[in-house]
Amino acid sequence: MKRLLLILILTFSFQTLTKADDIRDFEIEGMSVGESLLNHISVEKIENNIIPYFKDKRKYYVIKYVENLNLYDDLEIYLKSDDNNYIIKSISAGLYPDNLKECLKSKDDIVRNINSSLTIEFKESNYNHHYYINTVTYNSVATVKGGSIRVECIYYDLKDKANHDVIDNLSIVSKSNEIEKWFKSNYE
């Protein structure tokens, strides 16, 4: 029942976004890539919610956002270092289904709902995670102007869980090409 409610909410949330052909047209919790995070929270809250993924300063950093969310359990928002406008470069929304079967079913339902609401098409792409090498990621990816949208299930292999603090999840990611290049540069 909880999953059905989530699918219905997600379906209706995408209904207003018809003809999204640019990454900036796709919203997650009312936010989109290319807008200022200051439209949603203060500089102080941004600075107090930085996730310390890296020990040194990098070109981009990530904050965790959990306030006033309607559809997701949490968001990870990528911002460019030293950008006083706090322009969002990527948004990753997280959900935590109970098992892989439920995650994959929810992923397929979300992709189907986005496909029926927007003018984008997803391609399936399952592969071993680049860092957690024993873990398979189950992806649906759509390329749009300026970036991509990905719906992904990751249920970590027990070998990876034994050595890392990871959480099985379903994520919906809106990512700019700029962030994708940074990922490919090995997060320099």
C-alpha atoms as a PDB file:
ATOM      1  CA  MET A   1       0.000   0.000   0.000  1.00  0.00           C
ATOM      2  CA  LYS A   2       2.856   2.378   0.868  1.00  0.00           C
ATOM      3  CA  ARG A   3       4.480   1.684  -2.522  1.00  0.00           C
ATOM      4  CA  LEU A   4       1.189   2.286  -4.370  1.00  0.00           C
ATOM      5  CA  LEU A   5       0.783   5.625  -2.611  1.00  0.00           C
ATOM      6  CA  LEU A   6       4.343   6.599  -3.545  1.00  0.00           C
ATOM      7  CA  ILE A   7       3.747   5.688  -7.202  1.00  0.00           C
ATOM      8  CA  LEU A   8       0.536   7.731  -7.310  1.00  0.00           C
ATOM      9  CA  ILE A   9       2.246  10.739  -5.740  1.00  0.00           C
ATOM     10  CA  LEU A  10       5.162  10.478  -8.156  1.00  0.00           C
ATOM     11  CA  THR A  11       2.792  10.143 -11.110  1.00  0.00           C
ATOM     12  CA  PHE A  12       0.906  13.304 -10.222  1.00  0.00           C
ATOM     13  CA  SER A  13       4.100  15.215  -9.472  1.00  0.00           C
ATOM     14  CA  PHE A  14       5.352  14.644 -13.028  1.00  0.00           C
ATOM     15  CA  GLN A  15       2.054  15.559 -14.719  1.00  0.00           C
ATOM     16  CA  THR A  16       2.849  19.287 -14.819  1.00  0.00           C
ATOM     17  CA  LEU A  17       6.191  18.754 -16.508  1.00  0.00           C
ATOM     18  CA  THR A  18       5.094  17.831 -20.000  1.00  0.00           C
ATOM     19  CA  LYS A  19       7.556  18.373 -22.817  1.00  0.00           C
ATOM     20  CA  ALA A  20      10.640  18.521 -20.574  1.00  0.00           C
ATOM     21  CA  ASP A  21      13.533  18.496 -23.014  1.00  0.00           C
ATOM     22  CA  ASP A  22      16.065  20.373 -20.879  1.00  0.00           C
ATOM     23  CA  ILE A  23      17.549  19.292 -17.545  1.00  0.00           C
ATOM     24  CA  ARG A  24      16.304  22.575 -16.054  1.00  0.00           C
ATOM     25  CA  ASP A  25      12.694  21.563 -16.827  1.00  0.00           C
ATOM     26  CA  PHE A  26      12.789  18.511 -14.542  1.00  0.00           C
ATOM     27  CA  GLU A  27      11.984  19.175 -10.889  1.00  0.00           C
ATOM     28  CA  ILE A  28      12.658  17.093  -7.808  1.00  0.00           C
ATOM     29  CA  GLU A  29      10.843  18.360  -4.704  1.00  0.00           C
ATOM     30  CA  GLY A  30      10.304  21.704  -6.460  1.00  0.00           C
ATOM     31  CA  MET A  31      14.008  22.163  -7.251  1.00  0.00           C
ATOM     32  CA  SER A  32      15.788  21.920 -10.561  1.00  0.00           C
ATOM     33  CA  VAL A  33      19.320  21.904 -11.888  1.00  0.00           C
ATOM     34  CA  GLY A  34      20.384  25.414 -12.880  1.00  0.00           C
ATOM     35  CA  GLU A  35      18.489  27.317 -10.182  1.00  0.00           C
ATOM     36  CA  SER A  36      19.880  28.754  -6.959  1.00  0.00           C
ATOM     37  CA  LEU A  37      19.521  26.628  -3.855  1.00  0.00           C
ATOM     38  CA  LEU A  38      19.069  29.938  -2.025  1.00  0.00           C
ATOM     39  CA  ASN A  39      15.492  29.896  -3.360  1.00  0.00           C
ATOM     40  CA  HIS A  40      14.900  27.056  -0.887  1.00  0.00           C
ATOM     41  CA  ILE A  41      17.311  27.369   2.053  1.00  0.00           C
ATOM     42  CA  SER A  42      19.743  29.820   3.637  1.00  0.00           C
ATOM     43  CA  VAL A  43      23.514  29.962   3.208  1.00  0.00           C
ATOM     44  CA  GLU A  44      23.854  28.934   6.860  1.00  0.00           C
ATOM     45  CA  LYS A  45      21.783  25.770   6.310  1.00  0.00           C
ATOM     46  CA  ILE A  46      23.775  24.959   3.180  1.00  0.00           C
ATOM     47  CA  GLU A  47      27.064  25.291   5.043  1.00  0.00           C
ATOM     48  CA  ASN A  48      25.784  23.266   8.017  1.00  0.00           C
ATOM     49  CA  ASN A  49      24.661  20.358   5.829  1.00  0.00           C
ATOM     50  CA  ILE A  50      27.777  19.695   3.752  1.00  0.00           C
ATOM     51  CA  ILE A  51      28.491  15.977   3.448  1.00  0.00           C
ATOM     52  CA  PRO A  52      32.232  15.403   3.993  1.00  0.00           C
ATOM     53  CA  TYR A  53      32.749  12.978   1.093  1.00  0.00           C
ATOM     54  CA  PHE A  54      36.247  14.345   0.496  1.00  0.00           C
ATOM     55  CA  LYS A  55      38.949  15.334   2.982  1.00  0.00           C
ATOM     56  CA  ASP A  56      40.262  18.069   0.697  1.00  0.00           C
ATOM     57  CA  LYS A  57      38.485  20.837  -1.199  1.00  0.00           C
ATOM     58  CA  ARG A  58      37.212  19.771  -4.613  1.00  0.00           C
ATOM     59  CA  LYS A  59      35.627  21.572  -7.550  1.00  0.00           C
ATOM     60  CA  TYR A  60      32.167  20.579  -6.243  1.00  0.00           C
ATOM     61  CA  TYR A  61      30.686  19.592  -2.904  1.00  0.00           C
ATOM     62  CA  VAL A  62      27.492  17.906  -1.732  1.00  0.00           C
ATOM     63  CA  ILE A  63      24.898  18.883   0.833  1.00  0.00           C
ATOM     64  CA  LYS A  64      22.230  16.704   2.397  1.00  0.00           C
ATOM     65  CA  TYR A  65      18.732  18.171   2.348  1.00  0.00           C
ATOM     66  CA  VAL A  66      15.918  16.649   4.425  1.00  0.00           C
ATOM     67  CA  GLU A  67      13.593  19.539   5.330  1.00  0.00           C
ATOM     68  CA  ASN A  68       9.996  19.708   4.121  1.00  0.00           C
ATOM     69  CA  LEU A  69      10.295  16.818   1.660  1.00  0.00           C
ATOM     70  CA  ASN A  70       7.030  15.403   0.336  1.00  0.00           C
ATOM     71  CA  LEU A  71       8.093  12.496  -1.866  1.00  0.00           C
ATOM     72  CA  TYR A  72      11.607  11.461  -0.887  1.00  0.00           C
ATOM     73  CA  ASP A  73      13.462  10.548   2.278  1.00  0.00           C
ATOM     74  CA  ASP A  74      16.408  12.823   1.494  1.00  0.00           C
ATOM     75  CA  LEU A  75      18.198  14.768  -1.225  1.00  0.00           C
ATOM     76  CA  GLU A  76      21.869  15.154  -2.075  1.00  0.00           C
ATOM     77  CA  ILE A  77      22.507  18.410  -3.895  1.00  0.00           C
ATOM     78  CA  TYR A  78      25.760  19.151  -5.734  1.00  0.00           C
ATOM     79  CA  LEU A  79      27.064  22.707  -5.727  1.00  0.00           C
ATOM     80  CA  LYS A  80      30.198  24.256  -7.216  1.00  0.00           C
ATOM     81  CA  SER A  81      32.837  25.357  -4.717  1.00  0.00           C
ATOM     82  CA  ASP A  82      33.167  29.146  -4.375  1.00  0.00           C
ATOM     83  CA  ASP A  83      29.877  29.777  -6.203  1.00  0.00           C
ATOM     84  CA  ASN A  84      28.193  32.547  -4.200  1.00  0.00           C
ATOM     85  CA  ASN A  85      24.974  32.013  -6.177  1.00  0.00           C
ATOM     86  CA  TYR A  86      24.736  28.357  -5.035  1.00  0.00           C
ATOM     87  CA  ILE A  87      23.530  27.122  -8.428  1.00  0.00           C
ATOM     88  CA  ILE A  88      22.342  23.510  -8.265  1.00  0.00           C
ATOM     89  CA  LYS A  89      24.431  21.240 -10.513  1.00  0.00           C
ATOM     90  CA  SER A  90      22.788  17.921  -9.589  1.00  0.00           C
ATOM     91  CA  ILE A  91      19.985  16.609  -7.372  1.00  0.00           C
ATOM     92  CA  SER A  92      19.782  13.037  -6.135  1.00  0.00           C
ATOM     93  CA  ALA A  93      16.576  12.007  -4.363  1.00  0.00           C
ATOM     94  CA  GLY A  94      16.699   8.932  -2.166  1.00  0.00           C
ATOM     95  CA  LEU A  95      14.146   6.299  -1.206  1.00  0.00           C
ATOM     96  CA  TYR A  96      14.829   3.128   0.761  1.00  0.00           C
ATOM     97  CA  PRO A  97      12.670   0.152  -0.305  1.00  0.00           C
ATOM     98  CA  ASP A  98      12.752  -2.994   1.844  1.00  0.00           C
ATOM     99  CA  ASN A  99      14.305  -5.304  -0.745  1.00  0.00           C
ATOM    100  CA  LEU A 100      15.695  -5.461  -4.285  1.00  0.00           C
ATOM    101  CA  LYS A 101      12.475  -6.850  -5.773  1.00  0.00           C
ATOM    102  CA  GLU A 102      10.460  -3.937  -4.362  1.00  0.00           C
ATOM    103  CA  CYS A 103      13.156  -1.480  -5.484  1.00  0.00           C
ATOM    104  CA  LEU A 104      13.160  -2.766  -9.066  1.00  0.00           C
ATOM    105  CA  LYS A 105       9.356  -2.730  -9.232  1.00  0.00           C
ATOM    106  CA  SER A 106       9.242   0.844  -7.908  1.00  0.00           C
ATOM    107  CA  LYS A 107      12.022   1.887 -10.319  1.00  0.00           C
ATOM    108  CA  ASP A 108      10.110   0.489 -13.293  1.00  0.00           C
ATOM    109  CA  ASP A 109       6.895   2.178 -12.151  1.00  0.00           C
ATOM    110  CA  ILE A 110       8.640   5.540 -11.719  1.00  0.00           C
ATOM    111  CA  VAL A 111      10.293   5.273 -15.143  1.00  0.00           C
ATOM    112  CA  ARG A 112       6.975   4.328 -16.753  1.00  0.00           C
ATOM    113  CA  ASN A 113       5.272   7.311 -15.070  1.00  0.00           C
ATOM    114  CA  ILE A 114       7.995   9.750 -16.113  1.00  0.00           C
ATOM    115  CA  ASN A 115       7.883   8.382 -19.684  1.00  0.00           C
ATOM    116  CA  SER A 116       4.137   8.886 -19.857  1.00  0.00           C
ATOM    117  CA  SER A 117       4.363  12.427 -18.461  1.00  0.00           C
ATOM    118  CA  LEU A 118       7.446  13.810 -20.201  1.00  0.00           C
ATOM    119  CA  THR A 119       8.792  13.724 -23.723  1.00  0.00           C
ATOM    120  CA  ILE A 120      11.900  11.733 -22.808  1.00  0.00           C
ATOM    121  CA  GLU A 121      12.825   8.095 -23.228  1.00  0.00           C
ATOM    122  CA  PHE A 122      14.830   5.974 -20.818  1.00  0.00           C
ATOM    123  CA  LYS A 123      17.353   3.287 -21.703  1.00  0.00           C
ATOM    124  CA  GLU A 124      18.146   0.378 -19.399  1.00  0.00           C
ATOM    125  CA  SER A 125      21.735  -0.006 -18.271  1.00  0.00           C
ATOM    126  CA  ASN A 126      22.758  -2.524 -15.601  1.00  0.00           C
ATOM    127  CA  TYR A 127      26.409  -2.856 -14.631  1.00  0.00           C
ATOM    128  CA  ASN A 128      28.801  -3.432 -11.761  1.00  0.00           C
ATOM    129  CA  HIS A 129      29.288  -0.361  -9.617  1.00  0.00           C
ATOM    130  CA  HIS A 130      32.561   1.429 -10.435  1.00  0.00           C
ATOM    131  CA  TYR A 131      33.682   1.596  -6.788  1.00  0.00           C
ATOM    132  CA  TYR A 132      31.744  -1.184  -5.001  1.00  0.00           C
ATOM    133  CA  ILE A 133      32.876  -3.794  -7.486  1.00  0.00           C
ATOM    134  CA  ASN A 134      30.730  -6.664  -6.167  1.00  0.00           C
ATOM    135  CA  THR A 135      27.515  -4.648  -6.466  1.00  0.00           C
ATOM    136  CA  VAL A 136      25.271  -4.387  -9.536  1.00  0.00           C
ATOM    137  CA  THR A 137      23.429  -1.136 -10.225  1.00  0.00           C
ATOM    138  CA  TYR A 138      20.116  -1.248 -12.073  1.00  0.00           C
ATOM    139  CA  ASN A 139      19.702   1.947 -14.099  1.00  0.00           C
ATOM    140  CA  SER A 140      17.229   3.644 -16.367  1.00  0.00           C
ATOM    141  CA  VAL A 141      18.811   6.716 -17.970  1.00  0.00           C
ATOM    142  CA  ALA A 142      17.391   9.460 -20.177  1.00  0.00           C
ATOM    143  CA  THR A 143      19.573  12.065 -21.854  1.00  0.00           C
ATOM    144  CA  VAL A 144      18.146  15.571 -22.157  1.00  0.00           C
ATOM    145  CA  LYS A 145      19.611  18.931 -23.180  1.00  0.00           C
ATOM    146  CA  GLY A 146      22.194  19.915 -20.583  1.00  0.00           C
ATOM    147  CA  GLY A 147      22.272  16.643 -18.662  1.00  0.00           C
ATOM    148  CA  SER A 148      20.549  13.410 -17.794  1.00  0.00           C
ATOM    149  CA  ILE A 149      17.867  11.896 -15.579  1.00  0.00           C
ATOM    150  CA  ARG A 150      18.558   8.540 -13.959  1.00  0.00           C
ATOM    151  CA  VAL A 151      16.412   6.220 -11.879  1.00  0.00           C
ATOM    152  CA  GLU A 152      18.626   3.680 -10.137  1.00  0.00           C
ATOM    153  CA  CYS A 153      18.421   0.766  -7.695  1.00  0.00           C
ATOM    154  CA  ILE A 154      21.509  -0.158  -5.736  1.00  0.00           C
ATOM    155  CA  TYR A 155      21.379  -3.108  -3.355  1.00  0.00           C
ATOM    156  CA  TYR A 156      24.926  -3.626  -2.162  1.00  0.00           C
ATOM    157  CA  ASP A 157      26.591  -7.007  -2.187  1.00  0.00           C
ATOM    158  CA  LEU A 158      27.392  -8.368   1.289  1.00  0.00           C
ATOM    159  CA  LYS A 159      31.136  -8.151   0.523  1.00  0.00           C
ATOM    160  CA  ASP A 160      30.801  -4.417  -0.175  1.00  0.00           C
ATOM    161  CA  LYS A 161      28.595  -3.892   2.894  1.00  0.00           C
ATOM    162  CA  ALA A 162      31.211  -5.574   5.097  1.00  0.00           C
ATOM    163  CA  ASN A 163      33.872  -3.035   4.118  1.00  0.00           C
ATOM    164  CA  HIS A 164      31.837   0.157   3.646  1.00  0.00           C
ATOM    165  CA  ASP A 165      29.067   2.113   5.332  1.00  0.00           C
ATOM    166  CA  VAL A 166      26.509   1.888   2.507  1.00  0.00           C
ATOM    167  CA  ILE A 167      22.697   1.811   2.368  1.00  0.00           C
ATOM    168  CA  ASP A 168      20.572   0.006  -0.218  1.00  0.00           C
ATOM    169  CA  ASN A 169      18.506   2.577  -2.106  1.00  0.00           C
ATOM    170  CA  LEU A 170      16.414   3.761  -5.003  1.00  0.00           C
ATOM    171  CA  SER A 171      17.482   7.140  -6.347  1.00  0.00           C
ATOM    172  CA  ILE A 172      16.166   9.587  -8.891  1.00  0.00           C
ATOM    173  CA  VAL A 173      18.984  11.809 -10.171  1.00  0.00           C
ATOM    174  CA  SER A 174      18.844  14.977 -12.237  1.00  0.00           C
ATOM    175  CA  LYS A 175      22.429  15.720 -13.259  1.00  0.00           C
ATOM    176  CA  SER A 176      24.041  18.414 -15.400  1.00  0.00           C
ATOM    177  CA  ASN A 177      26.663  17.547 -18.011  1.00  0.00           C
ATOM    178  CA  GLU A 178      29.070  19.637 -15.944  1.00  0.00           C
ATOM    179  CA  ILE A 179      28.770  17.254 -12.976  1.00  0.00           C
ATOM    180  CA  GLU A 180      29.004  14.225 -15.261  1.00  0.00           C
ATOM    181  CA  LYS A 181      32.364  15.512 -16.550  1.00  0.00           C
ATOM    182  CA  TRP A 182      33.523  15.965 -12.955  1.00  0.00           C
ATOM    183  CA  PHE A 183      32.522  12.383 -12.111  1.00  0.00           C
ATOM    184  CA  LYS A 184      34.489  11.138 -15.117  1.00  0.00           C
ATOM    185  CA  SER A 185      37.523  13.203 -14.030  1.00  0.00           C
ATOM    186  CA  ASN A 186      37.607  11.102 -10.837  1.00  0.00           C
ATOM    187  CA  TYR A 187      36.152  13.913  -8.701  1.00  0.00           C
ATOM    188  CA  GLU A 188      39.151  16.254  -9.014  1.00  0.00           C
END
